[in-house]
C-alpha atoms as a PDB file:
ATOM      1  CA  LEU A   1    -143.154   8.225 -45.868  1.00  0.00           C
ATOM      2  CA  PRO A   2    -143.186   8.191 -49.686  1.00  0.00           C
ATOM      3  CA  PRO A   3    -142.742  11.561 -51.401  1.00  0.00           C
ATOM      4  CA  PHE A   4    -145.910  13.565 -51.992  1.00  0.00           C
ATOM      5  CA  VAL A   5    -147.135  13.290 -55.553  1.00  0.00           C
ATOM      6  CA  PRO A   6    -150.141  15.343 -56.593  1.00  0.00           C
ATOM      7  CA  SER A   7    -153.066  13.324 -57.887  1.00  0.00           C
ATOM      8  CA  PRO A   8    -153.551  13.274 -61.657  1.00  0.00           C
ATOM      9  CA  PRO A   9    -156.570  15.146 -63.016  1.00  0.00           C
ATOM     10  CA  ALA A  10    -159.916  13.404 -62.632  1.00  0.00           C
ATOM     11  CA  LYS A  11    -160.814  11.152 -65.537  1.00  0.00           C
ATOM     12  CA  PRO A  12    -163.644  12.424 -67.743  1.00  0.00           C
ATOM     13  CA  PRO A  13    -166.799  10.297 -67.806  1.00  0.00           C
ATOM     14  CA  LEU A  14    -166.381   7.246 -70.017  1.00  0.00           C
ATOM     15  CA  PRO A  15    -168.221   6.907 -73.299  1.00  0.00           C
ATOM     16  CA  PRO A  16    -170.435   3.840 -73.504  1.00  0.00           C
ATOM     17  CA  LEU A  17    -168.750   0.439 -73.422  1.00  0.00           C
ATOM     18  CA  SER A  18    -168.251  -0.911 -76.934  1.00  0.00           C
ATOM     19  CA  ASP A  19    -166.765  -3.852 -78.826  1.00  0.00           C
ATOM     20  CA  CYS A  20    -163.849  -1.710 -80.026  1.00  0.00           C
ATOM     21  CA  GLY A  21    -160.828  -0.280 -78.289  1.00  0.00           C
ATOM     22  CA  PHE A  22    -157.183  -0.664 -77.384  1.00  0.00           C
ATOM     23  CA  LYS A  23    -155.137  -3.018 -75.254  1.00  0.00           C
ATOM     24  CA  VAL A  24    -151.547  -2.946 -73.973  1.00  0.00           C
ATOM     25  CA  VAL A  25    -149.885  -6.039 -72.512  1.00  0.00           C
ATOM     26  CA  SER A  26    -146.582  -5.636 -70.704  1.00  0.00           C
ATOM     27  CA  GLY A  27    -144.792  -8.942 -70.071  1.00  0.00           C
ATOM     28  CA  GLY A  28    -145.619 -12.536 -70.851  1.00  0.00           C
ATOM     29  CA  SER A  29    -146.099 -14.200 -74.216  1.00  0.00           C
ATOM     30  CA  SER A  30    -148.852 -11.719 -75.208  1.00  0.00           C
ATOM     31  CA  ASN A  31    -146.518  -8.722 -74.766  1.00  0.00           C
ATOM     32  CA  GLY A  32    -147.499  -5.963 -77.226  1.00  0.00           C
ATOM     33  CA  PHE A  33    -149.932  -3.328 -78.446  1.00  0.00           C
ATOM     34  CA  TYR A  34    -153.371  -4.309 -79.812  1.00  0.00           C
ATOM     35  CA  SER A  35    -156.399  -2.783 -81.476  1.00  0.00           C
ATOM     36  CA  VAL A  36    -159.621  -4.614 -80.658  1.00  0.00           C
ATOM     37  CA  THR A  37    -162.710  -4.850 -82.868  1.00  0.00           C
ATOM     38  CA  GLY A  38    -165.368  -7.190 -81.551  1.00  0.00           C
ATOM     39  CA  ALA A  39    -163.813 -10.565 -80.820  1.00  0.00           C
ATOM     40  CA  ALA A  40    -160.805  -9.807 -83.051  1.00  0.00           C
ATOM     41  CA  GLU A  41    -157.587  -8.577 -81.443  1.00  0.00           C
ATOM     42  CA  THR A  42    -155.021  -7.287 -83.909  1.00  0.00           C
ATOM     43  CA  LYS A  43    -151.451  -7.146 -82.645  1.00  0.00           C
ATOM     44  CA  LEU A  44    -149.872  -3.988 -84.026  1.00  0.00           C
ATOM     45  CA  SER A  45    -146.608  -4.258 -85.962  1.00  0.00           C
ATOM     46  CA  VAL A  46    -144.414  -2.698 -83.316  1.00  0.00           C
ATOM     47  CA  ALA A  47    -141.147  -4.310 -82.226  1.00  0.00           C
ATOM     48  CA  LEU A  48    -140.899  -3.903 -78.460  1.00  0.00           C
ATOM     49  CA  ARG A  49    -137.415  -3.308 -77.104  1.00  0.00           C
ATOM     50  CA  ARG A  50    -136.058  -3.401 -73.548  1.00  0.00           C
ATOM     51  CA  GLY A  51    -137.304  -0.486 -71.428  1.00  0.00           C
ATOM     52  CA  PHE A  52    -140.176   1.933 -72.077  1.00  0.00           C
ATOM     53  CA  ASN A  53    -141.990   1.551 -75.409  1.00  0.00           C
ATOM     54  CA  LEU A  54    -144.441   4.083 -76.861  1.00  0.00           C
ATOM     55  CA  ALA A  55    -146.788   3.624 -79.817  1.00  0.00           C
ATOM     56  CA  VAL A  56    -148.844   6.543 -81.152  1.00  0.00           C
ATOM     57  CA  LEU A  57    -152.093   5.575 -82.903  1.00  0.00           C
ATOM     58  CA  GLU A  58    -154.372   7.609 -85.116  1.00  0.00           C
ATOM     59  CA  PRO A  59    -157.664   7.262 -83.209  1.00  0.00           C
ATOM     60  CA  GLN A  60    -160.027   6.720 -86.168  1.00  0.00           C
ATOM     61  CA  SER A  61    -158.062   4.279 -88.329  1.00  0.00           C
ATOM     62  CA  LEU A  62    -156.196   2.681 -85.354  1.00  0.00           C
ATOM     63  CA  SER A  63    -153.026   2.800 -87.468  1.00  0.00           C
ATOM     64  CA  VAL A  64    -149.604   3.277 -85.865  1.00  0.00           C
ATOM     65  CA  VAL A  65    -148.233   6.727 -86.644  1.00  0.00           C
ATOM     66  CA  GLU A  66    -144.915   6.210 -84.858  1.00  0.00           C
ATOM     67  CA  TYR A  67    -143.321   4.065 -82.198  1.00  0.00           C
ATOM     68  CA  ARG A  68    -140.307   4.651 -79.976  1.00  0.00           C
ATOM     69  CA  SER A  69    -138.366   2.859 -77.283  1.00  0.00           C
ATOM     70  CA  TRP A  70    -135.922   3.960 -74.596  1.00  0.00           C
ATOM     71  CA  ASP A  71    -133.617   1.507 -72.801  1.00  0.00           C
ATOM     72  CA  THR A  72    -134.252   2.623 -69.231  1.00  0.00           C
ATOM     73  CA  TYR A  73    -132.627  -0.528 -67.859  1.00  0.00           C
ATOM     74  CA  ASN A  74    -128.981   0.336 -68.527  1.00  0.00           C
ATOM     75  CA  GLY A  75    -129.024   2.503 -71.662  1.00  0.00           C
ATOM     76  CA  LYS A  76    -126.883   0.192 -73.812  1.00  0.00           C
ATOM     77  CA  ARG A  77    -129.638  -0.357 -76.375  1.00  0.00           C
ATOM     78  CA  GLY A  78    -130.299   3.383 -76.649  1.00  0.00           C
ATOM     79  CA  VAL A  79    -133.238   5.140 -78.287  1.00  0.00           C
ATOM     80  CA  TRP A  80    -135.200   3.708 -81.231  1.00  0.00           C
ATOM     81  CA  LEU A  81    -137.708   5.327 -83.613  1.00  0.00           C
ATOM     82  CA  ASN A  82    -139.911   3.166 -85.872  1.00  0.00           C
ATOM     83  CA  GLY A  83    -137.545   0.213 -85.504  1.00  0.00           C
ATOM     84  CA  VAL A  84    -134.367   2.167 -86.315  1.00  0.00           C
ATOM     85  CA  SER A  85    -131.660   2.935 -83.754  1.00  0.00           C
ATOM     86  CA  GLN A  86    -131.419   6.694 -83.177  1.00  0.00           C
ATOM     87  CA  ALA A  87    -128.799   7.200 -80.515  1.00  0.00           C
ATOM     88  CA  PRO A  88    -126.993   5.373 -77.746  1.00  0.00           C
ATOM     89  CA  CYS A  89    -127.453   6.511 -74.167  1.00  0.00           C
ATOM     90  CA  THR A  90    -124.687   6.841 -71.612  1.00  0.00           C
ATOM     91  CA  ASP A  91    -126.825   4.948 -69.071  1.00  0.00           C
ATOM     92  CA  SER A  92    -130.444   4.363 -68.005  1.00  0.00           C
ATOM     93  CA  CYS A  93    -130.778   7.963 -66.791  1.00  0.00           C
ATOM     94  CA  GLY A  94    -129.657   9.240 -70.207  1.00  0.00           C
ATOM     95  CA  CYS A  95    -132.408   7.240 -71.919  1.00  0.00           C
ATOM     96  CA  ALA A  96    -134.988   8.245 -69.282  1.00  0.00           C
ATOM     97  CA  SER A  97    -134.041  11.904 -69.783  1.00  0.00           C
ATOM     98  CA  ALA A  98    -134.358  11.536 -73.582  1.00  0.00           C
ATOM     99  CA  MET A  99    -137.799   9.980 -73.080  1.00  0.00           C
ATOM    100  CA  ALA A 100    -138.890  12.737 -70.683  1.00  0.00           C
ATOM    101  CA  ALA A 101    -137.699  15.448 -73.102  1.00  0.00           C
ATOM    102  CA  TYR A 102    -139.615  13.886 -76.016  1.00  0.00           C
ATOM    103  CA  ILE A 103    -142.830  13.359 -74.053  1.00  0.00           C
ATOM    104  CA  SER A 104    -142.719  16.800 -72.414  1.00  0.00           C
ATOM    105  CA  ALA A 105    -141.792  18.812 -75.517  1.00  0.00           C
ATOM    106  CA  ASP A 106    -142.808  16.981 -78.696  1.00  0.00           C
ATOM    107  CA  LEU A 107    -145.527  14.406 -78.043  1.00  0.00           C
ATOM    108  CA  VAL A 108    -148.411  16.824 -77.373  1.00  0.00           C
ATOM    109  CA  SER A 109    -147.376  19.351 -80.011  1.00  0.00           C
ATOM    110  CA  ASN A 110    -147.124  16.640 -82.694  1.00  0.00           C
ATOM    111  CA  TYR A 111    -149.909  14.225 -81.717  1.00  0.00           C
ATOM    112  CA  SER A 112    -152.603  15.888 -79.606  1.00  0.00           C
ATOM    113  CA  GLY A 113    -155.798  13.814 -79.788  1.00  0.00           C
ATOM    114  CA  HIS A 114    -153.984  10.604 -80.769  1.00  0.00           C
ATOM    115  CA  VAL A 115    -153.868   7.484 -78.597  1.00  0.00           C
ATOM    116  CA  ALA A 116    -150.635   6.783 -76.680  1.00  0.00           C
ATOM    117  CA  MET A 117    -149.793   3.210 -75.691  1.00  0.00           C
ATOM    118  CA  ILE A 118    -146.915   2.594 -73.243  1.00  0.00           C
ATOM    119  CA  ALA A 119    -145.469  -0.792 -72.258  1.00  0.00           C
ATOM    120  CA  ILE A 120    -142.374  -1.910 -70.401  1.00  0.00           C
ATOM    121  CA  HIS A 121    -140.591  -4.732 -72.181  1.00  0.00           C
ATOM    122  CA  ASP A 122    -138.096  -6.949 -70.346  1.00  0.00           C
ATOM    123  CA  GLU A 123    -136.693  -4.529 -67.724  1.00  0.00           C
ATOM    124  CA  GLY A 124    -137.016  -0.767 -67.433  1.00  0.00           C
ATOM    125  CA  SER A 125    -136.683   0.275 -63.796  1.00  0.00           C
ATOM    126  CA  GLY A 126    -133.425   2.242 -64.041  1.00  0.00           C
ATOM    127  CA  CYS A 127    -134.091   5.960 -63.508  1.00  0.00           C
ATOM    128  CA  SER A 128    -137.842   5.282 -63.817  1.00  0.00           C
ATOM    129  CA  GLU A 129    -138.706   8.295 -61.630  1.00  0.00           C
ATOM    130  CA  THR A 130    -137.541  10.597 -64.474  1.00  0.00           C
ATOM    131  CA  ALA A 131    -139.757   8.726 -66.938  1.00  0.00           C
ATOM    132  CA  TYR A 132    -142.838   8.788 -64.686  1.00  0.00           C
ATOM    133  CA  ASP A 133    -142.317  12.492 -63.952  1.00  0.00           C
ATOM    134  CA  ALA A 134    -142.839  13.078 -67.690  1.00  0.00           C
ATOM    135  CA  LEU A 135    -145.729  10.608 -68.035  1.00  0.00           C
ATOM    136  CA  ARG A 136    -147.754  12.056 -65.159  1.00  0.00           C
ATOM    137  CA  PRO A 137    -148.706  15.529 -66.498  1.00  0.00           C
ATOM    138  CA  VAL A 138    -148.854  14.605 -70.191  1.00  0.00           C
ATOM    139  CA  LEU A 139    -150.448  11.137 -70.149  1.00  0.00           C
ATOM    140  CA  GLY A 140    -151.920  10.914 -66.638  1.00  0.00           C
ATOM    141  CA  SER A 141    -149.786   8.138 -65.158  1.00  0.00           C
ATOM    142  CA  SER A 142    -150.436   7.628 -61.455  1.00  0.00           C
ATOM    143  CA  TYR A 143    -147.175   5.778 -60.691  1.00  0.00           C
ATOM    144  CA  THR A 144    -143.945   7.298 -59.401  1.00  0.00           C
ATOM    145  CA  LYS A 145    -141.400   4.475 -59.537  1.00  0.00           C
ATOM    146  CA  LEU A 146    -141.017   1.128 -61.242  1.00  0.00           C
ATOM    147  CA  LYS A 147    -139.570  -1.739 -59.237  1.00  0.00           C
ATOM    148  CA  TRP A 148    -137.075  -4.158 -60.773  1.00  0.00           C
ATOM    149  CA  MET A 149    -138.709  -6.494 -63.344  1.00  0.00           C
ATOM    150  CA  HIS A 150    -142.198  -5.063 -62.765  1.00  0.00           C
ATOM    151  CA  ARG A 151    -144.379  -4.592 -65.823  1.00  0.00           C
ATOM    152  CA  TYR A 152    -146.336  -1.444 -66.661  1.00  0.00           C
ATOM    153  CA  ALA A 153    -149.021  -0.690 -69.278  1.00  0.00           C
ATOM    154  CA  LEU A 154    -150.691   2.676 -70.018  1.00  0.00           C
ATOM    155  CA  LEU A 155    -153.282   3.930 -72.498  1.00  0.00           C
ATOM    156  CA  SER A 156    -153.921   7.663 -72.801  1.00  0.00           C
ATOM    157  CA  LEU A 157    -155.398  10.243 -75.132  1.00  0.00           C
ATOM    158  CA  ILE A 158    -152.469  12.556 -75.852  1.00  0.00           C
ATOM    159  CA  GLY A 159    -153.072  16.050 -74.551  1.00  0.00           C
ATOM    160  CA  SER A 160    -155.827  15.047 -72.119  1.00  0.00           C
ATOM    161  CA  GLY A 161    -153.510  14.678 -69.112  1.00  0.00           C
ATOM    162  CA  ALA A 162    -155.590  11.706 -67.941  1.00  0.00           C
ATOM    163  CA  ALA A 163    -154.931   8.001 -68.399  1.00  0.00           C
ATOM    164  CA  LEU A 164    -157.642   5.978 -70.135  1.00  0.00           C
ATOM    165  CA  ALA A 165    -156.325   2.811 -68.462  1.00  0.00           C
ATOM    166  CA  GLU A 166    -153.141   1.719 -66.706  1.00  0.00           C
ATOM    167  CA  ALA A 167    -151.843  -1.317 -64.884  1.00  0.00           C
ATOM    168  CA  MET A 168    -148.711  -2.377 -63.022  1.00  0.00           C
ATOM    169  CA  GLY A 169    -147.684  -5.969 -62.432  1.00  0.00           C
ATOM    170  CA  THR A 170    -147.901  -6.798 -58.733  1.00  0.00           C
ATOM    171  CA  ALA A 171    -144.596  -8.687 -58.582  1.00  0.00           C
ATOM    172  CA  GLY A 172    -141.524  -9.155 -60.724  1.00  0.00           C
ATOM    173  CA  TYR A 173    -142.391 -10.757 -64.066  1.00  0.00           C
ATOM    174  CA  ALA A 174    -146.179 -10.496 -63.480  1.00  0.00           C
ATOM    175  CA  GLU A 175    -147.990  -9.415 -66.640  1.00  0.00           C
ATOM    176  CA  ALA A 176    -149.755  -6.025 -66.652  1.00  0.00           C
ATOM    177  CA  THR A 177    -152.670  -5.375 -69.027  1.00  0.00           C
ATOM    178  CA  ALA A 178    -154.396  -2.041 -69.655  1.00  0.00           C
ATOM    179  CA  GLU A 179    -157.542  -2.158 -71.774  1.00  0.00           C
ATOM    180  CA  TRP A 180    -159.931   0.570 -72.931  1.00  0.00           C
ATOM    181  CA  MET A 181    -163.039  -0.689 -74.704  1.00  0.00           C
ATOM    182  CA  HIS A 182    -164.898   2.553 -75.390  1.00  0.00           C
ATOM    183  CA  ALA A 183    -163.797   3.433 -78.946  1.00  0.00           C
ATOM    184  CA  THR A 184    -166.313   4.033 -81.709  1.00  0.00           C
ATOM    185  CA  CYS A 185    -166.411   0.979 -83.950  1.00  0.00           C
ATOM    186  CA  GLN A 186    -165.809   1.770 -87.599  1.00  0.00           C
ATOM    187  CA  SER A 187    -168.392   0.421 -90.017  1.00  0.00           C
ATOM    188  CA  PRO A 188    -166.987  -1.949 -92.633  1.00  0.00           C
ATOM    189  CA  PRO A 189    -166.924  -0.506 -96.146  1.00  0.00           C
ATOM    190  CA  SER A 190    -170.069  -1.031 -98.193  1.00  0.00           C
ATOM    191  CA  PRO A 191    -169.822  -3.786-100.805  1.00  0.00           C
ATOM    192  CA  PRO A 192    -169.632  -2.600-104.426  1.00  0.00           C
ATOM    193  CA  PRO A 193    -172.974  -2.467-106.276  1.00  0.00           C
END
């Protein structure tokens, strides 16, 4: 039998469906983080690296506040912050532990109410239990382990403890897309008189 994992908190009722929101694609040629306004999808300027990737968005402007990556495949590519290498990891468990420490201690205190976007790029299954143990209480992930070459996408409101949307690829290399189309659309600025 698989280990017992308590269910994440119940999701709050959804706001009305809208033309605006967020989308995460893990795997495939569309791999990345997107803001969506009507029919326009804007790929955010975030360089995805092997392993778990996190982008933090300001919910009103949809701008990226920070992005990080952790090489949970074998640790050789280390930890990155806003496209700059921060530290090497001894192995995948070292990177997964660094990710868990950041998510558990700093993410909520620094960015409560912001949107978190998580995507696996390339491969990230090494020590994934440690990573998911951190994602579950803070961002509402329902998964416990990532299989080799499986893709994962998560959208969450930081501090809510509940995922807005999440998806896992059903087989190695299968794309996973999480989409949440319930954001308030911002009115375009008024033209000058």
